[in-house]
Protein backbone atom coordinates (compact mmCIF):
# COMPACT_ATOMS: atom_id res chain seq x y z
CA UNK A 1 -175.65 22.49 52.56
CA UNK A 2 -176.99 19.04 51.82
CA UNK A 3 -180.21 18.15 50.06
CA UNK A 4 -181.77 14.76 49.46
CA UNK A 5 -182.92 13.46 46.08
CA UNK A 6 -185.35 10.59 45.54
CA UNK A 7 -184.01 9.00 42.35
CA UNK A 8 -187.36 7.37 41.54
CA UNK A 9 -189.65 10.37 41.93
CA UNK A 10 -186.97 12.97 41.05
CA UNK A 11 -188.10 15.06 44.03
CA UNK A 12 -185.57 16.78 46.25
CA UNK A 13 -185.92 18.02 49.81
CA UNK A 14 -183.77 19.80 52.35
CA UNK A 15 -184.87 17.74 55.35
CA UNK A 16 -183.43 14.28 55.91
CA UNK A 17 -185.98 11.57 54.97
CA UNK A 18 -187.52 9.70 57.89
CA UNK A 19 -187.37 6.38 56.01
CA UNK A 20 -187.16 4.79 52.59
CA UNK A 21 -189.46 6.07 49.86
CA UNK A 22 -192.66 4.07 49.33
CA UNK A 23 -192.85 1.84 46.28
CA UNK A 24 -194.89 2.98 43.30
CA UNK A 25 -198.35 1.46 43.20
CA UNK A 26 -197.94 0.81 39.48
CA UNK A 27 -194.28 -0.21 39.72
CA UNK A 28 -194.78 -3.29 37.54
CA UNK A 29 -196.31 -1.23 34.74
CA UNK A 30 -193.21 0.98 34.64
CA UNK A 31 -190.84 -1.98 34.44
CA UNK A 32 -190.01 -3.20 30.94
CA UNK A 33 -191.58 -6.53 29.98
CA UNK A 34 -188.50 -7.38 27.93
CA UNK A 35 -185.14 -5.95 26.91
CA UNK A 36 -183.18 -6.06 23.69
CA UNK A 37 -179.61 -7.24 23.44
CA UNK A 38 -177.26 -6.88 20.47
CA UNK A 39 -174.44 -8.98 21.93
CA UNK A 40 -174.49 -11.88 24.35
CA UNK A 41 -171.36 -13.71 25.49
CA UNK A 42 -171.67 -17.09 27.19
CA UNK A 43 -168.22 -18.43 28.00
CA UNK A 44 -167.36 -22.11 27.99
CA UNK A 45 -164.35 -24.23 28.94
CA UNK A 46 -162.81 -23.88 25.45
CA UNK A 47 -163.06 -20.07 25.42
CA UNK A 48 -159.83 -18.09 25.08
CA UNK A 49 -160.12 -16.98 28.70
CA UNK A 50 -162.45 -19.40 30.50
CA UNK A 51 -162.94 -17.16 33.54
CA UNK A 52 -164.87 -14.05 34.45
CA UNK A 53 -165.58 -11.81 37.41
CA UNK A 54 -168.49 -14.12 38.24
CA UNK A 55 -166.77 -17.45 37.82
CA UNK A 56 -163.07 -18.02 38.45
CA UNK A 57 -163.05 -21.22 36.40
CA UNK A 58 -165.75 -21.87 33.80
CA UNK A 59 -166.33 -25.57 33.24
CA UNK A 60 -169.43 -25.66 31.01
CA UNK A 61 -168.97 -27.29 27.62
CA UNK A 62 -169.46 -25.49 24.34
CA UNK A 63 -172.63 -27.53 23.82
CA UNK A 64 -173.99 -26.42 27.21
CA UNK A 65 -173.25 -22.79 26.32
CA UNK A 66 -175.08 -23.19 23.00
CA UNK A 67 -178.05 -24.75 24.80
CA UNK A 68 -178.14 -21.78 27.18
CA UNK A 69 -178.13 -19.45 24.17
CA UNK A 70 -180.65 -21.25 21.96
CA UNK A 71 -182.77 -22.96 24.59
CA UNK A 72 -186.03 -21.52 25.78
CA UNK A 73 -184.58 -20.28 29.08
CA UNK A 74 -184.68 -17.05 31.01
CA UNK A 75 -181.51 -16.14 32.87
CA UNK A 76 -180.90 -13.33 35.31
CA UNK A 77 -177.55 -12.05 34.14
């Protein structure tokens, strides 16, 4: 037998859902305003391996990488 689980509400049901679950009314209040990070890697052209799964060839300079790290920017990683 198959049952269906809504990952957001943690409710399960035996009948197949008729459509996607509605969004929470207070969704924004449940989302974190900020996150903490203990390690952040920003690769540059002089890195040991200047490539990643996102970028086949990384061309930013070390100075550009430092500016990304220390600048007052918000990035969606």
